[in-house]
Protein backbone atom coordinates (compact mmCIF):
# COMPACT_ATOMS: atom_id res chain seq x y z
CA MET A 1 0.00 0.00 0.00
CA LYS A 2 1.53 3.31 -1.13
CA ILE A 3 0.86 6.16 1.30
CA LEU A 4 1.80 9.84 1.14
CA PHE A 5 1.90 12.08 4.20
CA VAL A 6 2.00 15.85 3.53
CA ALA A 7 3.44 18.07 6.28
CA GLN A 8 4.10 21.78 6.74
CA ASN A 9 7.46 21.30 8.48
CA PHE A 10 9.37 19.25 11.01
CA GLN A 11 10.07 22.01 13.52
CA MET A 12 9.76 21.06 17.19
CA GLY A 13 6.04 20.74 17.92
CA GLY A 14 3.27 18.39 19.01
CA ILE A 15 1.82 17.71 15.55
CA GLN A 16 5.28 17.10 14.12
CA LYS A 17 6.11 14.65 16.92
CA ALA A 18 2.77 12.90 16.42
CA LEU A 19 3.61 12.46 12.73
CA ILE A 20 7.09 11.12 13.53
CA ASN A 21 5.54 8.58 15.92
CA THR A 22 2.95 7.52 13.33
CA LEU A 23 5.70 7.04 10.74
CA LYS A 24 7.71 4.94 13.18
CA GLU A 25 4.67 2.80 13.91
CA MET A 26 3.75 2.26 10.26
CA SER A 27 7.25 1.93 8.78
CA VAL A 28 7.85 -1.42 10.49
CA GLU A 29 4.89 -2.93 8.59
CA GLU A 30 5.91 -4.41 5.24
CA GLN A 31 2.50 -3.65 3.73
CA PHE A 32 3.17 0.11 3.76
CA GLU A 33 5.40 2.00 1.31
CA ILE A 34 5.53 5.49 2.79
CA ASP A 35 6.47 8.84 1.26
CA VAL A 36 6.53 12.19 3.07
CA PHE A 37 6.35 15.55 1.32
CA THR A 38 7.20 18.38 3.68
CA PHE A 39 7.05 22.03 2.70
CA GLY A 40 9.81 23.00 5.14
CA LYS A 41 12.60 21.49 7.18
CA GLY A 42 13.23 21.32 10.93
CA GLU A 43 15.23 19.55 13.61
CA LEU A 44 12.82 16.58 13.73
CA LEU A 45 13.57 15.62 10.11
CA LYS A 46 16.39 13.41 11.35
CA ASP A 47 13.92 11.35 13.40
CA ILE A 48 12.01 10.12 10.34
CA PRO A 49 12.61 6.37 9.88
CA PRO A 50 15.24 5.65 7.18
CA ASN A 51 12.87 3.54 5.07
CA VAL A 52 10.48 6.47 4.62
CA HIS A 53 11.12 8.50 1.45
CA VAL A 54 11.23 12.25 2.18
CA TYR A 55 10.72 15.09 -0.34
CA VAL A 56 11.33 18.70 0.73
CA GLY A 57 9.80 21.77 -0.91
CA GLY A 58 11.78 24.47 -2.69
CA LEU A 59 13.22 27.56 -1.01
CA LEU A 60 10.07 29.73 -1.09
CA LEU A 61 7.92 26.91 0.23
CA GLN A 62 10.48 26.23 2.96
CA LEU A 63 10.51 29.88 4.00
CA ILE A 64 6.74 30.22 4.36
CA ALA A 65 6.55 26.88 6.19
CA THR A 66 9.06 28.13 8.78
CA PRO A 67 7.80 30.36 11.62
CA PHE A 68 8.93 33.93 10.98
CA TYR A 69 10.75 34.18 14.32
CA LYS A 70 12.82 31.17 13.21
CA VAL A 71 13.64 32.82 9.88
CA LYS A 72 14.79 35.93 11.75
CA GLN A 73 16.90 33.82 14.10
CA SER A 74 18.78 32.45 11.07
CA LYS A 75 20.09 36.02 10.40
CA ASN A 76 20.11 35.26 6.67
CA PHE A 77 19.32 38.70 5.21
CA TRP A 78 18.00 37.42 1.86
CA HIS A 79 15.82 34.78 3.45
CA ILE A 80 14.27 37.41 5.73
CA ILE A 81 13.63 39.71 2.75
CA LEU A 82 12.12 36.87 0.70
CA ARG A 83 9.85 35.89 3.61
CA ILE A 84 8.65 39.49 3.94
CA VAL A 85 8.01 39.70 0.18
CA CYS A 86 5.97 36.49 0.41
CA MET A 87 3.95 38.00 3.26
CA VAL A 88 3.15 41.04 1.10
CA ILE A 89 2.17 38.92 -1.91
CA VAL A 90 -0.09 36.60 0.07
CA ARG A 91 -1.95 39.61 1.48
CA LEU A 92 -2.54 40.85 -2.08
CA ILE A 93 -3.66 37.63 -3.78
CA GLY A 94 -4.76 35.41 -0.86
CA SER A 95 -3.30 32.25 0.65
CA ASN A 96 -4.93 29.73 -1.70
CA HIS A 97 -3.75 31.47 -4.88
CA PHE A 98 -0.27 31.93 -3.47
CA TYR A 99 0.07 28.31 -2.38
CA ALA A 100 -1.36 27.08 -5.68
CA LEU A 101 1.33 28.96 -7.61
CA LEU A 102 4.06 27.31 -5.52
CA PHE A 103 2.46 23.87 -5.64
CA LYS A 104 2.41 23.69 -9.43
CA ARG A 105 6.14 22.93 -9.49
CA HIS A 106 5.79 20.40 -6.65
CA ARG A 107 2.91 18.40 -8.13
CA HIS A 108 3.14 14.67 -7.32
CA TYR A 109 2.42 12.48 -10.37
CA LYS A 110 2.89 9.20 -8.50
CA GLN A 111 -0.32 7.30 -7.80
CA TYR A 112 -0.99 6.58 -4.11
CA HIS A 113 -3.52 4.37 -2.39
CA ILE A 114 -3.93 6.97 0.38
CA ALA A 115 -2.76 10.60 0.53
CA ILE A 116 -2.88 12.29 3.92
CA SER A 117 -2.96 15.98 4.79
CA TYR A 118 -1.51 15.69 8.28
CA PHE A 119 -1.61 19.37 9.35
CA ASN A 120 -4.94 21.11 9.87
CA ASP A 121 -4.80 24.66 8.50
CA ALA A 122 -4.27 27.36 11.11
CA PRO A 123 -7.39 29.58 11.12
CA ASN A 124 -7.03 33.31 10.46
CA SER A 125 -3.46 32.83 9.26
CA TYR A 126 -1.85 33.67 5.93
CA PHE A 127 0.68 30.87 6.29
CA ASN A 128 0.64 27.67 8.42
CA GLN A 129 -1.62 26.27 5.75
CA GLY A 130 -1.55 24.38 2.47
CA THR A 131 -1.43 20.65 3.22
CA ASN A 132 -5.17 20.27 2.60
CA LEU A 133 -4.96 22.15 -0.70
CA PHE A 134 -1.93 20.16 -1.85
CA VAL A 135 -3.52 16.77 -1.16
CA ASP A 136 -6.85 17.84 -2.66
CA LYS A 137 -5.61 19.39 -5.92
CA PHE A 138 -2.02 18.26 -6.54
CA VAL A 139 -1.89 14.56 -5.58
CA LYS A 140 -3.33 11.48 -7.27
CA ALA A 141 -4.72 9.00 -4.75
CA ASP A 142 -7.52 6.45 -4.44
CA LYS A 143 -8.44 7.90 -1.05
CA LYS A 144 -7.64 11.18 0.65
CA PHE A 145 -7.54 11.71 4.42
CA ALA A 146 -7.29 14.96 6.42
CA TRP A 147 -6.04 14.90 10.03
CA ILE A 148 -7.58 17.31 12.58
CA HIS A 149 -5.48 17.82 15.72
CA THR A 150 -7.55 20.33 17.65
CA ASP A 151 -11.01 21.40 18.80
CA PRO A 152 -12.45 23.12 15.68
CA LEU A 153 -14.87 25.22 17.73
CA ARG A 154 -12.32 26.57 20.21
CA ALA A 155 -9.77 27.07 17.41
CA ASN A 156 -12.24 29.24 15.46
CA PHE A 157 -12.25 27.18 12.27
CA SER A 158 -14.14 28.88 9.42
CA TYR A 159 -17.32 26.95 8.60
CA LYS A 160 -17.46 28.16 4.99
CA SER A 161 -13.79 27.33 4.40
CA CYS A 162 -14.03 23.88 6.03
CA VAL A 163 -17.13 22.89 4.01
CA LYS A 164 -15.23 23.66 0.83
CA THR A 165 -11.91 22.20 1.99
CA TYR A 166 -13.17 18.83 3.18
CA GLN A 167 -15.73 18.02 0.47
CA ASN A 168 -13.20 16.00 -1.58
CA PHE A 169 -11.72 14.07 1.36
CA ASP A 170 -12.81 10.51 2.10
CA ARG A 171 -11.93 10.60 5.81
CA LEU A 172 -11.56 13.32 8.40
CA ILE A 173 -9.36 11.79 11.10
CA CYS A 174 -9.61 13.33 14.56
CA VAL A 175 -7.10 12.60 17.33
CA SER A 176 -9.73 12.15 20.05
CA GLU A 177 -13.38 11.20 20.50
CA ALA A 178 -14.07 14.66 21.91
CA CYS A 179 -12.66 16.34 18.79
CA LYS A 180 -14.71 13.96 16.65
CA GLN A 181 -17.90 15.03 18.41
CA LYS A 182 -16.99 18.70 18.04
CA LEU A 183 -16.23 18.28 14.32
CA GLN A 184 -19.48 16.39 13.70
CA GLN A 185 -21.33 19.18 15.49
CA PHE A 186 -19.46 21.77 13.41
CA LEU A 187 -19.84 19.97 10.04
CA PRO A 188 -22.93 17.72 10.36
CA GLN A 189 -23.01 17.14 6.57
CA TYR A 190 -19.66 15.33 6.84
CA GLN A 191 -20.32 13.38 10.04
CA LEU A 192 -20.03 9.97 8.31
CA LYS A 193 -16.51 10.88 7.17
CA VAL A 194 -15.29 11.64 10.69
CA GLN A 195 -13.27 8.94 12.49
CA VAL A 196 -10.71 8.75 15.32
CA ILE A 197 -7.11 7.59 15.45
CA TYR A 198 -5.29 8.39 18.68
CA ASN A 199 -1.70 9.62 18.60
CA PHE A 200 1.01 6.97 18.83
CA PHE A 201 3.88 7.00 21.33
CA PRO A 202 7.25 5.20 20.99
CA ILE A 203 7.00 3.95 24.56
CA ALA A 204 10.30 2.04 24.83
CA GLU A 205 12.19 4.89 23.13
CA ILE A 206 10.69 7.51 25.46
CA LYS A 207 11.68 5.48 28.54
CA GLU A 208 15.22 4.97 27.22
CA MET A 209 15.67 8.67 26.32
CA ALA A 210 14.47 9.64 29.79
CA THR A 211 17.56 8.00 31.27
CA GLN A 212 20.13 9.70 29.02
CA PHE A 213 21.01 12.48 31.49
CA THR A 214 19.99 13.98 34.81
CA PRO A 215 18.64 17.46 34.04
CA PHE A 216 18.57 18.89 37.58
CA ASP A 217 18.93 18.01 41.25
CA LYS A 218 15.60 17.27 42.91
CA GLY A 219 14.02 20.05 44.94
CA PRO A 220 11.05 19.95 47.34
CA ILE A 221 8.53 20.18 44.47
CA ASP A 222 9.57 20.31 40.80
CA LEU A 223 6.90 21.47 38.34
CA LEU A 224 7.22 21.29 34.56
CA SER A 225 5.45 22.59 31.44
CA VAL A 226 6.42 21.71 27.87
CA GLY A 227 5.25 23.22 24.59
CA ARG A 228 5.53 25.91 21.97
CA MET A 229 5.69 29.35 23.58
CA ASP A 230 2.46 30.61 22.00
CA ASN A 231 0.21 32.29 24.54
CA ALA A 232 -2.89 32.32 22.30
CA THR A 233 -3.22 28.53 22.57
CA LYS A 234 -0.76 27.26 25.20
CA ARG A 235 -1.37 30.09 27.72
CA PHE A 236 2.12 29.98 29.23
CA ASP A 237 1.47 33.59 30.25
CA LEU A 238 -0.71 32.22 33.08
CA ILE A 239 2.28 30.59 34.78
CA PRO A 240 3.83 33.75 36.32
CA TYR A 241 0.43 34.68 37.82
CA ILE A 242 -0.03 31.14 39.19
CA CYS A 243 3.45 31.30 40.73
CA LYS A 244 2.61 34.63 42.35
CA LEU A 245 -0.43 33.08 44.05
CA LEU A 246 1.54 30.03 45.15
CA LYS A 247 4.31 32.17 46.66
CA GLU A 248 1.74 34.24 48.56
CA ARG A 249 -0.24 31.26 49.88
CA SER A 250 2.26 28.46 50.43
CA SER A 251 5.23 28.13 52.73
CA GLN A 252 6.43 25.14 50.69
CA ARG A 253 9.20 25.72 48.18
CA PHE A 254 8.63 24.86 44.51
CA TYR A 255 10.38 25.43 41.20
CA TRP A 256 8.69 25.55 37.78
CA ARG A 257 10.66 24.75 34.62
CA ILE A 258 9.24 25.60 31.18
CA ILE A 259 10.61 23.84 28.10
CA GLY A 260 9.93 25.36 24.69
CA ASP A 261 10.63 28.22 22.32
CA GLY A 262 8.27 30.45 20.41
CA PRO A 263 7.12 33.98 19.66
CA ASP A 264 6.03 34.75 23.25
CA LEU A 265 9.15 33.55 25.08
CA HIS A 266 10.56 37.03 25.78
CA HIS A 267 7.15 38.38 26.79
CA ASN A 268 6.74 35.63 29.40
CA GLN A 269 10.27 36.12 30.72
CA LYS A 270 9.54 39.84 31.22
CA LEU A 271 6.21 39.01 32.89
CA ALA A 272 7.95 36.72 35.39
CA LEU A 273 10.33 39.57 36.29
CA GLN A 274 7.49 42.09 36.62
CA LEU A 275 5.51 39.83 38.96
CA GLY A 276 8.54 39.00 41.10
CA VAL A 277 8.52 35.26 40.39
CA ALA A 278 11.66 34.90 38.23
CA ASP A 279 13.31 33.14 41.19
CA VAL A 280 10.90 30.17 40.91
CA ILE A 281 10.57 29.95 37.09
CA GLU A 282 13.22 28.73 34.69
CA PHE A 283 12.70 29.16 30.94
CA VAL A 284 14.76 26.23 29.67
CA GLY A 285 14.15 26.97 25.98
CA GLU A 286 13.93 24.42 23.18
CA CYS A 287 15.03 20.89 24.07
CA HIS A 288 15.14 17.96 21.66
CA ASN A 289 14.94 15.47 24.53
CA PRO A 290 12.59 16.74 27.27
CA TYR A 291 12.00 13.27 28.69
CA PRO A 292 14.62 13.39 31.49
CA PHE A 293 12.94 16.62 32.66
CA ILE A 294 9.50 14.96 32.60
CA LYS A 295 10.75 11.87 34.46
CA GLN A 296 12.56 13.94 37.12
CA SER A 297 9.64 16.33 37.75
CA ASP A 298 6.89 15.75 40.32
CA VAL A 299 4.05 17.11 38.18
CA LEU A 300 3.56 18.08 34.54
CA ILE A 301 1.23 21.08 34.11
CA LEU A 302 -0.74 21.89 30.95
CA THR A 303 -2.16 25.44 30.83
CA SER A 304 -3.56 25.33 27.27
CA ALA A 305 -6.75 27.15 26.27
CA TYR A 306 -7.57 24.22 23.98
CA GLU A 307 -5.95 21.04 22.67
CA GLY A 308 -6.74 17.99 20.56
CA TYR A 309 -4.82 15.11 22.14
CA PRO A 310 -1.62 16.64 23.53
CA MET A 311 1.48 14.50 23.13
CA VAL A 312 3.07 15.72 26.34
CA VAL A 313 0.26 14.30 28.52
CA GLY A 314 0.80 10.81 27.12
CA GLU A 315 4.57 11.20 27.47
CA ALA A 316 4.19 12.18 31.13
CA LEU A 317 2.00 9.16 31.89
CA ILE A 318 4.48 6.85 30.13
CA LEU A 319 7.17 8.25 32.46
CA GLU A 320 4.85 7.92 35.50
CA THR A 321 4.57 11.66 36.14
CA PRO A 322 1.12 12.91 37.25
CA VAL A 323 -0.52 15.70 35.23
CA ILE A 324 -2.45 18.82 36.17
CA THR A 325 -4.32 20.18 33.17
CA THR A 326 -6.98 22.53 31.94
CA ASN A 327 -10.24 20.94 30.84
CA PHE A 328 -9.46 20.68 27.12
CA ALA A 329 -11.89 18.67 24.98
CA ALA A 330 -10.20 15.27 25.34
CA ALA A 331 -8.83 15.70 28.89
CA ALA A 332 -11.05 12.93 30.26
CA GLU A 333 -9.85 10.56 27.49
CA GLN A 334 -6.24 10.86 28.63
CA LEU A 335 -6.67 11.38 32.38
CA ARG A 336 -8.78 10.01 35.20
CA ASP A 337 -9.35 13.01 37.41
CA GLY A 338 -7.97 12.45 40.91
CA LEU A 339 -6.30 9.16 39.97
CA ASN A 340 -3.44 9.95 37.55
CA GLY A 341 -3.83 13.71 37.55
CA LEU A 342 -6.16 16.65 38.14
CA ILE A 343 -8.41 18.38 35.60
CA THR A 344 -9.12 22.04 36.34
CA TYR A 345 -11.37 24.69 34.82
CA GLY A 346 -8.24 26.42 33.55
CA ASP A 347 -8.16 29.82 35.25
CA VAL A 348 -5.27 31.02 37.39
CA GLU A 349 -7.10 30.40 40.68
CA GLU A 350 -8.16 26.82 39.85
CA ILE A 351 -4.74 25.77 38.60
CA ALA A 352 -3.05 27.32 41.65
CA ILE A 353 -5.41 25.44 44.00
CA ALA A 354 -4.71 22.14 42.21
CA ILE A 355 -0.95 22.64 42.41
CA ALA A 356 -1.15 23.69 46.06
CA SER A 357 -3.05 20.47 46.83
CA VAL A 358 -0.17 18.30 45.61
CA ILE A 359 2.48 20.56 47.14
CA SER A 360 0.89 20.22 50.58
CA ASP A 361 -0.05 16.53 50.33
CA GLU A 362 2.86 14.27 49.39
CA GLY A 363 0.63 11.22 49.97
CA ASN A 364 -1.79 12.33 47.25
CA LEU A 365 1.09 12.69 44.78
CA GLN A 366 2.37 9.20 45.61
CA LYS A 367 -1.11 7.70 45.18
CA MET A 368 -1.29 9.15 41.67
CA LYS A 369 2.16 7.83 40.81
CA LYS A 370 1.16 4.37 42.06
CA TYR A 371 -2.01 4.41 39.95
CA ILE A 372 -0.02 5.34 36.83
CA GLU A 373 2.48 2.55 37.52
CA GLU A 374 -0.37 0.01 37.84
CA ASN A 375 -2.18 1.24 34.70
CA ARG A 376 0.55 1.48 32.10
CA TYR A 377 0.09 3.51 28.93
CA THR A 378 -0.18 1.49 25.67
CA ASN A 379 -0.73 2.07 21.94
CA GLN A 380 -3.27 -0.74 21.61
CA LYS A 381 -6.31 1.44 20.95
CA ALA A 382 -4.47 3.61 18.39
CA GLN A 383 -3.24 0.49 16.58
CA GLU A 384 -6.77 -0.91 16.35
CA GLN A 385 -8.10 2.41 15.02
CA LEU A 386 -5.37 2.74 12.39
CA VAL A 387 -5.86 -0.80 11.07
CA MET A 388 -9.61 -0.27 10.85
CA GLU A 389 -9.30 2.96 8.82
CA PHE A 390 -6.46 1.92 6.52
CA ASP A 391 -7.96 -1.49 5.70
CA ARG A 392 -11.40 -0.18 4.71
């Protein structure tokens, strides 16, 4: 079976890691011959299995598939100018026309059994798009699938755009049952197309990587958050306010590490200084292997406004680290509230109360760790879902 995955890039991110894990899972099966076409590059490219054939877009496609802050960090003057020119052009002619012009020279003439648009388009964005259009108009395949990694209602997907985009796709694959229900509610005319395949995790690899180094000496309570520093979705800007409340209300010492890079990193660093909590927050930055940090920490904390099926929650449970999270759509599919973590309403007060409860009660934390140890994370459900959809 010949399968094509189309990706925006392989920068560090949850969707990119989910794709890498899916490729690892499928590449060991002899029945699959897998190609990947990625518009841009990124540090995770090297993690693609060697028996997967990878095609990378040309320079312009690479530039628009790379976050602008990353292009600026490269300090390549001509690349920055080209990216700005592309931004001007796309505002004049629109994203679809601009992408279509670039895609004409990247058209795939190979016939596939299944072609997959793995990145859902970012709403209200000129770039961070295109995989749906490419699979729909520029690939020959018996079946076409589109992956949806988020809550379409909370992410402000455009109804008119989605109706048009998904009409030629055979399957709309959501990463959780909650996202499936939201998408069926959002696009009732396509509800029979909507199915679920959970994200895969390379469990043995994660456990091995978690032992590669010791990232810090244990303190009284070590908190951790991991993700792209984008406050609109990940809400890392809540963390300094939560720390301020914890410092005011608790005599217990704690330390909160944040792994990730992104456009709001400097803003959040300044906010921590302004609120007087820079002594209990460490912005670690981007880290290719965050697993030793997750394993060594007492609690992983997710502050996101919305999510689909966040990779980091599964990774924490694999490494037997309890999770405190906001009530994103699929939270109850990944966590059992009070047993392997705590699900909060997501405001500063609620998250602070949840963290304070584990800081002050070591027994509660140990009970959650014991439950996770006795109920080990597996890929069984995701494997069953994938076989069902790909064998239809």
